Amino acid sequence: MSEASKRKYVFRIEDLARRAVDEYNKYRSPEAHAEILEVKGDIIIVKFTGSFCRTCGIRDWVEDYAYVLEDLGVEAELVEYIEPEDEESDYRIGVFRVKKWLKNNSIGVDS
């Protein structure tokens, strides 16, 4: 892959990550709020905050971000789930890896 293609690919992942956060927050806020911490290559690191951290199924709220990505046309997986050492903290970190672009995705990239 050329350097220009790599930059275009990273830009599209960043755009996708932002759109997925907007969509995630649209339906899950204020119980859960997502914020992008970093995008590195095919890795998206997202911080999740909110009252969901005090409920059952905490990990499900984080995993939902992968389903939002899929709705936007990208197959992704949660590769790391980070909990704070302090159990009372109201955040979790999800590390997602983009596996492949699905055909007819919403940002115009085929795999």
N, C-alpha and C. Protein backbone atom coordinates (compact mmCIF):
# COMPACT_ATOMS: atom_id res chain seq x y z
N MET A 1 0.85 -1.17 0.00
CA MET A 1 0.00 0.00 0.00
C MET A 1 0.90 1.24 0.00
N SER A 2 0.59 2.17 -0.88
CA SER A 2 1.39 3.39 -0.97
C SER A 2 1.15 4.27 0.26
N GLU A 3 2.03 5.23 0.47
CA GLU A 3 1.91 6.15 1.61
C GLU A 3 0.61 6.95 1.51
N ALA A 4 0.26 7.38 0.30
CA ALA A 4 -0.99 8.14 0.10
C ALA A 4 -2.20 7.27 0.42
N SER A 5 -2.16 6.01 0.03
CA SER A 5 -3.26 5.10 0.32
C SER A 5 -3.40 4.85 1.81
N LYS A 6 -2.27 4.74 2.51
CA LYS A 6 -2.30 4.54 3.96
C LYS A 6 -2.94 5.74 4.66
N ARG A 7 -2.56 6.95 4.23
CA ARG A 7 -3.14 8.16 4.84
C ARG A 7 -4.65 8.21 4.59
N LYS A 8 -5.07 7.87 3.39
CA LYS A 8 -6.49 7.87 3.04
C LYS A 8 -7.24 6.83 3.89
N TYR A 9 -6.64 5.66 4.07
CA TYR A 9 -7.24 4.59 4.87
C TYR A 9 -7.39 5.02 6.33
N VAL A 10 -6.34 5.62 6.90
CA VAL A 10 -6.39 6.09 8.29
C VAL A 10 -7.43 7.19 8.42
N PHE A 11 -7.47 8.11 7.48
CA PHE A 11 -8.48 9.17 7.52
C PHE A 11 -9.88 8.58 7.52
N ARG A 12 -10.10 7.59 6.71
CA ARG A 12 -11.44 6.98 6.64
C ARG A 12 -11.79 6.25 7.93
N ILE A 13 -10.81 5.62 8.55
CA ILE A 13 -11.08 4.98 9.84
C ILE A 13 -11.39 6.04 10.89
N GLU A 14 -10.66 7.15 10.88
CA GLU A 14 -10.95 8.22 11.83
C GLU A 14 -12.36 8.78 11.62
N ASP A 15 -12.73 8.97 10.36
CA ASP A 15 -14.07 9.46 10.04
C ASP A 15 -15.12 8.45 10.51
N LEU A 16 -14.88 7.21 10.23
CA LEU A 16 -15.79 6.15 10.65
C LEU A 16 -15.92 6.12 12.17
N ALA A 17 -14.80 6.22 12.88
CA ALA A 17 -14.82 6.18 14.34
C ALA A 17 -15.65 7.34 14.90
N ARG A 18 -15.47 8.53 14.33
CA ARG A 18 -16.26 9.69 14.78
C ARG A 18 -17.75 9.49 14.52
N ARG A 19 -18.07 9.00 13.35
CA ARG A 19 -19.49 8.77 13.02
C ARG A 19 -20.10 7.71 13.93
N ALA A 20 -19.32 6.68 14.23
CA ALA A 20 -19.82 5.62 15.12
C ALA A 20 -20.04 6.17 16.54
N VAL A 21 -19.15 7.04 17.01
CA VAL A 21 -19.32 7.65 18.33
C VAL A 21 -20.59 8.50 18.35
N ASP A 22 -20.80 9.29 17.31
CA ASP A 22 -22.01 10.11 17.24
C ASP A 22 -23.26 9.22 17.29
N GLU A 23 -23.25 8.16 16.54
CA GLU A 23 -24.39 7.24 16.50
C GLU A 23 -24.58 6.54 17.84
N TYR A 24 -23.49 6.08 18.42
CA TYR A 24 -23.54 5.42 19.72
C TYR A 24 -24.15 6.35 20.76
N ASN A 25 -23.65 7.56 20.83
CA ASN A 25 -24.12 8.52 21.83
C ASN A 25 -25.57 8.94 21.59
N LYS A 26 -25.97 8.97 20.35
CA LYS A 26 -27.34 9.36 20.00
C LYS A 26 -28.36 8.46 20.69
N TYR A 27 -28.06 7.17 20.79
CA TYR A 27 -29.02 6.21 21.32
C TYR A 27 -28.72 5.74 22.74
N ARG A 28 -27.53 5.99 23.25
CA ARG A 28 -27.16 5.43 24.55
C ARG A 28 -26.87 6.48 25.63
N SER A 29 -26.73 7.72 25.21
CA SER A 29 -26.46 8.78 26.18
C SER A 29 -27.78 9.18 26.86
N PRO A 30 -27.82 9.47 28.11
CA PRO A 30 -26.71 9.78 29.01
C PRO A 30 -26.19 8.57 29.79
N GLU A 31 -26.84 7.40 29.68
CA GLU A 31 -26.36 6.24 30.44
C GLU A 31 -24.94 5.86 30.07
N ALA A 32 -24.63 6.00 28.79
CA ALA A 32 -23.28 5.70 28.31
C ALA A 32 -22.89 6.76 27.30
N HIS A 33 -21.66 7.22 27.40
CA HIS A 33 -21.15 8.23 26.46
C HIS A 33 -19.79 7.77 25.97
N ALA A 34 -19.62 7.73 24.65
CA ALA A 34 -18.36 7.30 24.04
C ALA A 34 -17.55 8.50 23.59
N GLU A 35 -16.22 8.38 23.70
CA GLU A 35 -15.30 9.43 23.28
C GLU A 35 -14.06 8.74 22.71
N ILE A 36 -13.66 9.15 21.51
CA ILE A 36 -12.46 8.57 20.90
C ILE A 36 -11.23 9.09 21.62
N LEU A 37 -10.39 8.17 22.05
CA LEU A 37 -9.11 8.55 22.65
C LEU A 37 -8.00 8.58 21.60
N GLU A 38 -8.04 7.59 20.69
CA GLU A 38 -6.96 7.49 19.70
C GLU A 38 -7.37 6.55 18.57
N VAL A 39 -6.86 6.85 17.39
CA VAL A 39 -6.99 5.97 16.24
C VAL A 39 -5.58 5.73 15.72
N LYS A 40 -5.16 4.46 15.71
CA LYS A 40 -3.82 4.09 15.23
C LYS A 40 -3.97 2.96 14.22
N GLY A 41 -3.77 3.28 12.95
CA GLY A 41 -3.92 2.25 11.92
C GLY A 41 -5.33 1.72 11.94
N ASP A 42 -5.46 0.41 12.16
CA ASP A 42 -6.79 -0.20 12.19
C ASP A 42 -7.33 -0.36 13.62
N ILE A 43 -6.72 0.34 14.57
CA ILE A 43 -7.12 0.27 15.98
C ILE A 43 -7.85 1.56 16.38
N ILE A 44 -9.00 1.41 17.04
CA ILE A 44 -9.77 2.53 17.56
C ILE A 44 -9.88 2.35 19.06
N ILE A 45 -9.43 3.34 19.81
CA ILE A 45 -9.48 3.28 21.28
C ILE A 45 -10.54 4.26 21.75
N VAL A 46 -11.52 3.74 22.48
CA VAL A 46 -12.68 4.53 22.89
C VAL A 46 -12.85 4.47 24.40
N LYS A 47 -13.12 5.63 24.99
CA LYS A 47 -13.43 5.71 26.42
C LYS A 47 -14.95 5.82 26.56
N PHE A 48 -15.50 5.01 27.44
CA PHE A 48 -16.94 5.01 27.71
C PHE A 48 -17.15 5.46 29.15
N THR A 49 -18.01 6.45 29.33
CA THR A 49 -18.32 6.96 30.66
C THR A 49 -19.83 6.95 30.86
N GLY A 50 -20.23 7.00 32.12
CA GLY A 50 -21.66 7.11 32.41
C GLY A 50 -22.11 6.18 33.51
N SER A 51 -23.39 6.27 33.80
CA SER A 51 -23.96 5.47 34.89
C SER A 51 -24.01 3.98 34.57
N PHE A 52 -23.85 3.60 33.29
CA PHE A 52 -23.86 2.18 32.94
C PHE A 52 -22.78 1.42 33.71
N CYS A 53 -21.75 2.10 34.15
CA CYS A 53 -20.64 1.46 34.86
C CYS A 53 -21.07 0.91 36.21
N ARG A 54 -22.25 1.25 36.65
CA ARG A 54 -22.74 0.76 37.94
C ARG A 54 -23.85 -0.27 37.77
N THR A 55 -23.97 -0.83 36.57
CA THR A 55 -25.03 -1.79 36.28
C THR A 55 -24.44 -3.14 35.90
N CYS A 56 -25.31 -4.10 35.72
CA CYS A 56 -24.90 -5.41 35.20
C CYS A 56 -24.63 -5.27 33.70
N GLY A 57 -23.83 -6.14 33.17
CA GLY A 57 -23.58 -6.14 31.73
C GLY A 57 -22.74 -4.97 31.24
N ILE A 58 -21.81 -4.53 32.06
CA ILE A 58 -20.98 -3.37 31.70
C ILE A 58 -20.28 -3.59 30.37
N ARG A 59 -19.72 -4.75 30.19
CA ARG A 59 -18.97 -5.04 28.96
C ARG A 59 -19.87 -4.95 27.72
N ASP A 60 -21.14 -5.29 27.86
CA ASP A 60 -22.07 -5.23 26.73
C ASP A 60 -22.19 -3.80 26.18
N TRP A 61 -22.18 -2.82 27.07
CA TRP A 61 -22.27 -1.42 26.65
C TRP A 61 -21.07 -1.07 25.78
N VAL A 62 -19.90 -1.59 26.13
CA VAL A 62 -18.68 -1.33 25.36
C VAL A 62 -18.73 -2.09 24.04
N GLU A 63 -19.11 -3.36 24.08
CA GLU A 63 -19.17 -4.18 22.87
C GLU A 63 -20.16 -3.62 21.84
N ASP A 64 -21.17 -2.91 22.30
CA ASP A 64 -22.15 -2.33 21.38
C ASP A 64 -21.50 -1.43 20.33
N TYR A 65 -20.37 -0.83 20.66
CA TYR A 65 -19.70 0.05 19.69
C TYR A 65 -19.32 -0.74 18.43
N ALA A 66 -18.93 -2.00 18.58
CA ALA A 66 -18.59 -2.82 17.41
C ALA A 66 -19.82 -3.03 16.52
N TYR A 67 -20.99 -3.13 17.12
CA TYR A 67 -22.22 -3.28 16.33
C TYR A 67 -22.57 -1.99 15.60
N VAL A 68 -22.28 -0.86 16.21
CA VAL A 68 -22.49 0.42 15.53
C VAL A 68 -21.55 0.52 14.33
N LEU A 69 -20.30 0.12 14.51
CA LEU A 69 -19.36 0.10 13.39
C LEU A 69 -19.88 -0.79 12.26
N GLU A 70 -20.42 -1.94 12.62
CA GLU A 70 -20.95 -2.85 11.61
C GLU A 70 -22.12 -2.22 10.86
N ASP A 71 -22.98 -1.51 11.59
CA ASP A 71 -24.09 -0.81 10.94
C ASP A 71 -23.59 0.22 9.93
N LEU A 72 -22.40 0.75 10.15
CA LEU A 72 -21.80 1.73 9.24
C LEU A 72 -20.99 1.05 8.12
N GLY A 73 -20.91 -0.27 8.14
CA GLY A 73 -20.28 -0.99 7.03
C GLY A 73 -18.89 -1.51 7.28
N VAL A 74 -18.53 -1.70 8.54
CA VAL A 74 -17.19 -2.19 8.86
C VAL A 74 -17.29 -3.30 9.90
N GLU A 75 -16.61 -4.39 9.65
CA GLU A 75 -16.53 -5.46 10.64
C GLU A 75 -15.38 -5.15 11.59
N ALA A 76 -15.69 -5.10 12.89
CA ALA A 76 -14.67 -4.79 13.89
C ALA A 76 -14.87 -5.71 15.09
N GLU A 77 -13.82 -5.82 15.89
CA GLU A 77 -13.92 -6.64 17.09
C GLU A 77 -13.31 -5.91 18.27
N LEU A 78 -13.86 -6.19 19.44
CA LEU A 78 -13.30 -5.68 20.68
C LEU A 78 -12.11 -6.57 21.02
N VAL A 79 -10.90 -6.02 20.98
CA VAL A 79 -9.70 -6.82 21.23
C VAL A 79 -9.17 -6.64 22.64
N GLU A 80 -9.59 -5.56 23.30
CA GLU A 80 -9.17 -5.35 24.68
C GLU A 80 -10.22 -4.54 25.40
N TYR A 81 -10.51 -4.95 26.61
CA TYR A 81 -11.48 -4.28 27.48
C TYR A 81 -10.75 -3.91 28.76
N ILE A 82 -10.66 -2.62 29.03
CA ILE A 82 -9.85 -2.16 30.16
C ILE A 82 -10.76 -1.58 31.23
N GLU A 83 -10.65 -2.13 32.43
CA GLU A 83 -11.39 -1.63 33.59
C GLU A 83 -10.42 -0.87 34.49
N PRO A 84 -10.89 0.20 35.10
CA PRO A 84 -10.01 0.92 36.03
C PRO A 84 -9.77 0.11 37.29
N GLU A 85 -8.68 0.38 37.97
CA GLU A 85 -8.40 -0.33 39.21
C GLU A 85 -9.42 0.00 40.29
N ASP A 86 -9.90 1.24 40.28
CA ASP A 86 -10.90 1.69 41.24
C ASP A 86 -12.28 1.26 40.74
N GLU A 87 -12.91 0.34 41.43
CA GLU A 87 -14.21 -0.20 41.00
C GLU A 87 -15.31 0.85 40.97
N GLU A 88 -15.13 1.95 41.65
CA GLU A 88 -16.14 3.01 41.69
C GLU A 88 -16.04 3.96 40.49
N SER A 89 -15.01 3.83 39.68
CA SER A 89 -14.82 4.71 38.54
C SER A 89 -15.94 4.52 37.52
N ASP A 90 -16.31 5.62 36.87
CA ASP A 90 -17.42 5.55 35.92
C ASP A 90 -16.94 5.56 34.47
N TYR A 91 -15.87 4.82 34.19
CA TYR A 91 -15.42 4.71 32.80
C TYR A 91 -14.88 3.31 32.52
N ARG A 92 -14.85 2.98 31.25
CA ARG A 92 -14.22 1.77 30.74
C ARG A 92 -13.57 2.15 29.42
N ILE A 93 -12.55 1.40 29.01
CA ILE A 93 -11.86 1.64 27.74
C ILE A 93 -12.06 0.41 26.86
N GLY A 94 -12.44 0.65 25.62
CA GLY A 94 -12.55 -0.41 24.64
C GLY A 94 -11.55 -0.20 23.52
N VAL A 95 -10.82 -1.25 23.18
CA VAL A 95 -9.87 -1.20 22.07
C VAL A 95 -10.45 -2.09 20.97
N PHE A 96 -10.74 -1.49 19.84
CA PHE A 96 -11.38 -2.18 18.72
C PHE A 96 -10.43 -2.26 17.54
N ARG A 97 -10.50 -3.37 16.83
CA ARG A 97 -9.69 -3.54 15.61
C ARG A 97 -10.63 -3.68 14.43
N VAL A 98 -10.42 -2.85 13.42
CA VAL A 98 -11.18 -2.96 12.18
C VAL A 98 -10.67 -4.18 11.44
N LYS A 99 -11.55 -5.13 11.19
CA LYS A 99 -11.15 -6.37 10.52
C LYS A 99 -11.28 -6.25 9.00
N LYS A 100 -12.41 -5.70 8.55
CA LYS A 100 -12.58 -5.53 7.11
C LYS A 100 -13.73 -4.58 6.83
N TRP A 101 -13.63 -3.96 5.67
CA TRP A 101 -14.69 -3.09 5.17
C TRP A 101 -15.71 -3.96 4.47
N LEU A 102 -16.95 -3.74 4.77
CA LEU A 102 -18.02 -4.49 4.13
C LEU A 102 -18.46 -3.75 2.87
N LYS A 103 -18.95 -4.47 1.91
CA LYS A 103 -19.46 -3.82 0.69
C LYS A 103 -20.62 -2.93 1.05
N ASN A 104 -20.77 -1.86 0.29
CA ASN A 104 -21.85 -0.90 0.49
C ASN A 104 -21.79 -0.24 1.86
N ASN A 105 -20.59 -0.02 2.36
CA ASN A 105 -20.48 0.67 3.64
C ASN A 105 -20.79 2.15 3.45
N SER A 106 -21.06 2.82 4.54
CA SER A 106 -21.55 4.20 4.47
C SER A 106 -20.50 5.24 4.15
N ILE A 107 -19.22 4.85 4.11
CA ILE A 107 -18.21 5.87 3.79
C ILE A 107 -17.47 5.54 2.50
N GLY A 108 -18.04 4.67 1.70
CA GLY A 108 -17.56 4.50 0.34
C GLY A 108 -16.25 3.75 0.17
N VAL A 109 -15.96 2.79 1.03
CA VAL A 109 -14.74 2.01 0.88
C VAL A 109 -15.10 0.54 0.79
N ASP A 110 -14.60 -0.14 -0.21
CA ASP A 110 -14.79 -1.59 -0.29
C ASP A 110 -13.56 -2.28 0.24
N SER A 111 -13.72 -3.49 0.74
CA SER A 111 -12.58 -4.23 1.28
C SER A 111 -11.62 -4.66 0.22
